[in-house]
């Protein structure tokens, strides 16, 4: 076997040697240049002119353009409050099943303050928001919001974990523009201040300190108090429990309502207290630890 391999290599070496000799003996060919051609510059089309003559095709829409508003109407929620029903049409551009609720956030604002979702509004099937649809399917869903008044409403839709507005439209409800909001280029810094407090009780009769905070949104997008700040109250050096249930003076939903840039909003939070000694209030950023408020409330 080794001899066979050696013979093969010897044969290859011989072929290479013969080829090399043949190349050395070949006379160098004479190359005649082609005749010179005259270019007619008057017929030359520049790149810019070509682009104007044949403009590029419009880029196809991205998956972010897969939702639109098709209608809106007035209704009532279970308590008789005025509600706005908005009907959306969307197409599932994902490569798997998806539903509206886990794909988008759709927030309605009036006077720069987020409207709460309507519960059991007439003419609304909330189940549609949770129905999965297959990729490529187009589907209509409805969402209802409790109105604050009849001023213009602003609907903003984004991907659930996105920051780009897919929809940002105003809906005229006949009551004018509502409260003026500052331009995002003119807003000041985010701030929190204590604007009031009082004593109350919870469902069990335990004493509760109810504190009102005014929150100003100086960020570039809508924010909610709960997702921006960490609030704490201390009495005798011990943190007070803020899990208060059944206190008529507290509306916990307000902590989760977003407000648009340049808007102020008052939220109310309750703390269980053990006696009538002073209560120290501290509010810091939820992420980063910046101190926005440090104040002592005297209960005596």
Protein backbone atom coordinates (compact mmCIF):
# COMPACT_ATOMS: atom_id res chain seq x y z
CA UNK A 1 0.00 0.00 0.00
CA UNK A 2 2.84 2.40 0.88
CA UNK A 3 4.53 1.72 -2.47
CA UNK A 4 1.26 2.49 -4.27
CA UNK A 5 0.93 5.83 -2.49
CA UNK A 6 4.56 6.66 -3.26
CA UNK A 7 3.99 5.87 -6.95
CA UNK A 8 0.99 8.17 -7.09
CA UNK A 9 2.96 11.09 -5.57
CA UNK A 10 5.84 10.44 -8.02
CA UNK A 11 3.44 10.53 -10.98
CA UNK A 12 1.93 13.82 -9.77
CA UNK A 13 5.39 15.35 -9.37
CA UNK A 14 6.26 14.35 -12.94
CA UNK A 15 3.08 15.95 -14.34
CA UNK A 16 3.80 19.21 -12.51
CA UNK A 17 7.40 19.27 -13.81
CA UNK A 18 6.31 18.69 -17.43
CA UNK A 19 3.67 21.44 -17.16
CA UNK A 20 6.24 23.87 -15.85
CA UNK A 21 8.62 23.17 -18.74
CA UNK A 22 5.87 23.68 -21.27
CA UNK A 23 5.03 27.11 -19.87
CA UNK A 24 8.66 28.28 -19.93
CA UNK A 25 9.08 27.34 -23.60
CA UNK A 26 5.89 29.13 -24.76
CA UNK A 27 6.51 32.50 -26.42
CA UNK A 28 4.90 35.48 -24.75
CA UNK A 29 1.84 36.48 -26.85
CA UNK A 30 1.53 39.99 -28.22
CA UNK A 31 -1.52 41.78 -26.84
CA UNK A 32 -3.19 44.28 -29.15
CA UNK A 33 -5.23 46.92 -27.31
CA UNK A 34 -8.87 47.24 -28.40
CA UNK A 35 -9.78 50.23 -30.55
CA UNK A 36 -10.67 53.34 -28.51
CA UNK A 37 -14.40 54.02 -28.32
CA UNK A 38 -16.02 57.43 -28.18
CA UNK A 39 -18.51 57.90 -25.31
CA UNK A 40 -21.59 60.01 -25.99
CA UNK A 41 -21.85 62.03 -22.75
CA UNK A 42 -25.17 63.50 -23.82
CA UNK A 43 -26.78 60.08 -23.39
CA UNK A 44 -25.19 59.38 -20.00
CA UNK A 45 -27.67 59.04 -17.13
CA UNK A 46 -26.44 59.95 -13.66
CA UNK A 47 -27.33 57.97 -10.55
CA UNK A 48 -29.48 60.84 -9.27
CA UNK A 49 -31.39 61.05 -12.58
CA UNK A 50 -31.88 57.29 -12.57
CA UNK A 51 -33.28 57.46 -9.04
CA UNK A 52 -35.74 60.15 -10.13
CA UNK A 53 -36.79 58.16 -13.18
CA UNK A 54 -37.17 54.92 -11.20
CA UNK A 55 -37.88 55.85 -7.57
CA UNK A 56 -37.39 53.08 -5.00
CA UNK A 57 -40.43 51.09 -4.09
CA UNK A 58 -42.19 52.04 -0.86
CA UNK A 59 -40.98 49.93 2.03
CA UNK A 60 -43.56 47.45 3.24
CA UNK A 61 -45.32 48.21 6.50
CA UNK A 62 -43.70 46.78 9.58
CA UNK A 63 -45.48 44.66 12.12
CA UNK A 64 -45.96 47.78 14.24
CA UNK A 65 -48.62 49.02 11.79
CA UNK A 66 -50.97 46.10 12.46
CA UNK A 67 -53.60 47.86 14.60
CA UNK A 68 -56.13 50.63 14.03
CA UNK A 69 -59.28 52.14 15.54
CA UNK A 70 -62.42 51.34 13.56
CA UNK A 71 -65.11 52.94 15.74
CA UNK A 72 -66.01 54.41 19.13
CA UNK A 73 -69.29 54.85 20.97
CA UNK A 74 -70.75 55.94 24.32
CA UNK A 75 -72.09 53.54 26.94
CA UNK A 76 -72.52 53.08 30.70
CA UNK A 77 -70.63 50.87 33.14
CA UNK A 78 -72.21 48.74 35.89
CA UNK A 79 -72.48 51.76 38.23
CA UNK A 80 -74.11 54.00 35.65
CA UNK A 81 -70.98 56.08 34.93
CA UNK A 82 -70.34 57.28 31.39
CA UNK A 83 -68.03 55.00 29.45
CA UNK A 84 -66.32 55.22 26.08
CA UNK A 85 -66.13 52.04 24.00
CA UNK A 86 -63.31 51.85 21.45
CA UNK A 87 -63.23 49.11 18.82
CA UNK A 88 -59.83 48.04 17.53
CA UNK A 89 -58.93 45.91 14.53
CA UNK A 90 -55.58 44.15 14.71
CA UNK A 91 -53.68 41.50 12.81
CA UNK A 92 -51.46 38.95 14.49
CA UNK A 93 -48.06 39.41 12.83
CA UNK A 94 -46.28 37.14 15.28
CA UNK A 95 -45.20 33.61 14.38
CA UNK A 96 -47.38 32.11 17.09
CA UNK A 97 -50.84 32.49 18.60
CA UNK A 98 -51.42 35.77 20.45
CA UNK A 99 -54.20 37.80 22.07
CA UNK A 100 -54.80 41.53 22.37
CA UNK A 101 -54.36 41.71 26.13
CA UNK A 102 -50.84 40.26 26.14
CA UNK A 103 -49.77 42.03 22.94
CA UNK A 104 -50.77 45.67 23.51
CA UNK A 105 -51.35 48.33 26.13
CA UNK A 106 -54.23 50.66 25.23
CA UNK A 107 -54.56 53.66 27.56
CA UNK A 108 -57.12 56.46 27.41
CA UNK A 109 -56.31 59.87 28.91
CA UNK A 110 -58.43 62.89 29.77
CA UNK A 111 -56.86 66.07 31.15
CA UNK A 112 -53.56 64.21 31.07
CA UNK A 113 -54.81 61.55 33.53
CA UNK A 114 -55.39 57.91 32.65
CA UNK A 115 -59.01 56.79 32.62
CA UNK A 116 -59.88 53.59 34.44
CA UNK A 117 -61.12 50.56 32.54
CA UNK A 118 -64.89 50.22 32.67
CA UNK A 119 -66.26 47.14 34.39
CA UNK A 120 -69.20 45.38 32.79
CA UNK A 121 -69.90 48.17 30.31
CA UNK A 122 -73.01 47.72 28.19
CA UNK A 123 -72.28 46.38 24.72
CA UNK A 124 -68.75 45.19 25.48
CA UNK A 125 -67.49 41.60 25.40
CA UNK A 126 -64.23 41.72 27.38
CA UNK A 127 -63.53 38.07 26.60
CA UNK A 128 -62.53 39.07 23.08
CA UNK A 129 -59.41 40.76 24.50
CA UNK A 130 -58.20 37.39 25.78
CA UNK A 131 -59.06 35.22 22.78
CA UNK A 132 -55.95 33.91 20.99
CA UNK A 133 -55.79 34.25 17.23
CA UNK A 134 -53.55 32.41 14.77
CA UNK A 135 -50.70 34.17 12.92
CA UNK A 136 -51.97 36.25 10.00
CA UNK A 137 -55.54 36.46 11.32
CA UNK A 138 -57.31 39.84 11.64
CA UNK A 139 -59.65 40.31 14.59
CA UNK A 140 -61.81 43.02 16.18
CA UNK A 141 -61.91 43.67 19.93
CA UNK A 142 -63.55 46.26 22.17
CA UNK A 143 -62.28 48.04 25.25
CA UNK A 144 -64.27 50.37 27.51
CA UNK A 145 -63.06 53.24 29.70
CA UNK A 146 -64.76 55.25 32.46
CA UNK A 147 -64.83 58.90 31.42
CA UNK A 148 -63.85 61.73 33.76
CA UNK A 149 -65.95 64.27 31.84
CA UNK A 150 -66.81 65.07 28.22
CA UNK A 151 -63.51 66.70 27.28
CA UNK A 152 -61.34 65.41 24.44
CA UNK A 153 -59.92 61.95 25.10
CA UNK A 154 -56.47 60.82 23.96
CA UNK A 155 -56.01 57.13 23.13
CA UNK A 156 -52.46 55.73 23.09
CA UNK A 157 -51.63 52.16 22.05
CA UNK A 158 -48.20 50.53 22.36
CA UNK A 159 -46.76 47.05 22.30
CA UNK A 160 -46.94 45.55 25.80
CA UNK A 161 -43.18 45.90 26.29
CA UNK A 162 -42.60 48.65 23.73
CA UNK A 163 -42.13 52.40 23.85
CA UNK A 164 -43.27 53.41 20.36
CA UNK A 165 -46.80 54.77 19.94
CA UNK A 166 -48.66 52.57 17.46
CA UNK A 167 -51.76 54.75 17.89
CA UNK A 168 -51.92 58.25 19.35
CA UNK A 169 -55.26 59.85 18.47
CA UNK A 170 -57.65 62.36 20.01
CA UNK A 171 -61.37 61.62 20.25
CA UNK A 172 -63.67 64.64 20.42
CA UNK A 173 -66.41 64.07 22.99
CA UNK A 174 -67.93 67.54 22.59
CA UNK A 175 -66.59 69.18 25.74
CA UNK A 176 -63.52 70.92 24.40
CA UNK A 177 -59.84 70.24 24.89
CA UNK A 178 -59.90 69.90 28.69
CA UNK A 179 -57.00 70.88 30.93
CA UNK A 180 -53.95 72.25 29.14
CA UNK A 181 -50.86 70.10 29.40
CA UNK A 182 -47.36 71.48 29.26
CA UNK A 183 -45.23 70.76 26.22
CA UNK A 184 -42.80 67.89 26.75
CA UNK A 185 -40.00 70.36 25.88
CA UNK A 186 -41.01 72.71 28.71
CA UNK A 187 -41.76 70.36 31.59
CA UNK A 188 -39.82 70.55 34.84
CA UNK A 189 -38.37 67.81 37.00
CA UNK A 190 -40.40 64.98 38.49
CA UNK A 191 -41.44 65.78 42.04
CA UNK A 192 -43.61 64.61 44.94
CA UNK A 193 -44.96 66.74 47.75
CA UNK A 194 -47.18 66.08 50.74
CA UNK A 195 -50.42 68.06 50.38
CA UNK A 196 -52.60 66.68 53.18
CA UNK A 197 -53.24 64.01 55.78
CA UNK A 198 -55.97 62.82 58.13
CA UNK A 199 -56.83 59.97 60.49
CA UNK A 200 -59.21 57.19 59.49
CA UNK A 201 -59.88 53.49 60.14
CA UNK A 202 -59.88 50.31 58.09
CA UNK A 203 -62.55 47.58 57.88
CA UNK A 204 -61.31 46.14 61.18
CA UNK A 205 -61.44 49.45 63.05
CA UNK A 206 -57.63 49.84 63.21
CA UNK A 207 -56.23 53.36 63.05
CA UNK A 208 -54.95 54.51 59.66
CA UNK A 209 -53.02 57.62 58.67
CA UNK A 210 -54.25 58.73 55.25
CA UNK A 211 -51.70 60.80 53.32
CA UNK A 212 -52.25 62.76 50.10
CA UNK A 213 -49.29 63.13 47.73
CA UNK A 214 -49.17 65.39 44.69
CA UNK A 215 -47.09 63.78 41.97
CA UNK A 216 -45.74 65.82 39.05
CA UNK A 217 -44.58 63.87 35.99
CA UNK A 218 -41.43 65.40 34.55
CA UNK A 219 -40.57 62.34 32.48
CA UNK A 220 -40.87 61.99 28.69
CA UNK A 221 -43.71 59.48 28.80
CA UNK A 222 -46.78 58.67 30.88
CA UNK A 223 -45.99 57.33 34.35
CA UNK A 224 -47.86 55.97 37.37
CA UNK A 225 -46.98 56.73 41.01
CA UNK A 226 -46.80 53.06 41.95
CA UNK A 227 -44.26 52.25 39.26
CA UNK A 228 -42.04 55.26 39.91
CA UNK A 229 -41.74 55.56 43.69
CA UNK A 230 -41.21 53.58 46.87
CA UNK A 231 -43.12 55.18 49.76
CA UNK A 232 -42.55 54.38 53.44
CA UNK A 233 -43.87 55.67 56.76
CA UNK A 234 -42.04 55.10 60.06
CA UNK A 235 -43.38 55.41 63.60
CA UNK A 236 -41.03 54.97 66.57
CA UNK A 237 -38.39 53.88 64.06
CA UNK A 238 -40.54 51.01 62.75
CA UNK A 239 -42.03 50.89 59.27
CA UNK A 240 -45.82 51.18 59.17
CA UNK A 241 -47.86 48.63 57.25
CA UNK A 242 -49.32 50.18 54.11
CA UNK A 243 -51.56 47.24 53.28
CA UNK A 244 -54.84 48.92 54.17
CA UNK A 245 -58.14 47.27 53.26
CA UNK A 246 -61.60 48.68 53.64
CA UNK A 247 -60.73 52.32 54.26
CA UNK A 248 -63.31 54.59 52.61
CA UNK A 249 -60.83 57.48 52.36
CA UNK A 250 -58.44 55.59 50.08
CA UNK A 251 -58.73 54.86 46.35
CA UNK A 252 -55.82 52.53 45.64
CA UNK A 253 -56.50 52.61 41.89
CA UNK A 254 -55.13 56.15 41.68
CA UNK A 255 -51.64 54.88 42.48
CA UNK A 256 -51.73 52.85 39.26
CA UNK A 257 -53.24 55.53 37.01
CA UNK A 258 -50.70 56.95 34.60
CA UNK A 259 -50.39 60.67 34.01
CA UNK A 260 -48.91 62.25 30.91
CA UNK A 261 -45.77 64.45 30.93
CA UNK A 262 -46.26 67.89 32.48
CA UNK A 263 -49.30 66.82 34.53
CA UNK A 264 -49.83 66.84 38.31
CA UNK A 265 -51.99 64.27 40.09
CA UNK A 266 -52.94 63.55 43.69
CA UNK A 267 -52.76 60.00 45.04
CA UNK A 268 -53.81 58.80 48.49
CA UNK A 269 -52.01 56.14 50.54
CA UNK A 270 -52.84 54.77 53.98
CA UNK A 271 -50.54 53.52 56.77
CA UNK A 272 -51.46 51.61 59.91
CA UNK A 273 -50.34 53.50 63.04
CA UNK A 274 -49.85 52.16 66.57
CA UNK A 275 -50.20 55.41 68.54
CA UNK A 276 -50.26 59.20 68.15
CA UNK A 277 -46.52 59.75 67.92
CA UNK A 278 -44.90 61.47 64.94
CA UNK A 279 -44.76 59.68 61.60
CA UNK A 280 -41.77 60.06 59.29
CA UNK A 281 -42.53 59.92 55.58
CA UNK A 282 -39.93 58.91 53.00
CA UNK A 283 -40.41 58.66 49.23
CA UNK A 284 -37.58 57.49 47.00
CA UNK A 285 -37.30 56.40 43.39
CA UNK A 286 -38.41 52.84 42.85
CA UNK A 287 -35.15 52.24 40.99
CA UNK A 288 -32.06 54.22 41.91
CA UNK A 289 -32.90 55.37 45.43
CA UNK A 290 -33.20 59.11 44.73
CA UNK A 291 -35.01 60.87 47.60
CA UNK A 292 -38.05 62.86 46.47
CA UNK A 293 -39.64 63.53 49.86
CA UNK A 294 -38.58 63.34 53.50
CA UNK A 295 -41.00 64.86 55.98
CA UNK A 296 -42.40 64.36 59.48
CA UNK A 297 -46.12 64.43 60.25
CA UNK A 298 -47.14 65.39 63.79
CA UNK A 299 -50.30 63.65 64.99
CA UNK A 300 -50.51 65.35 68.40
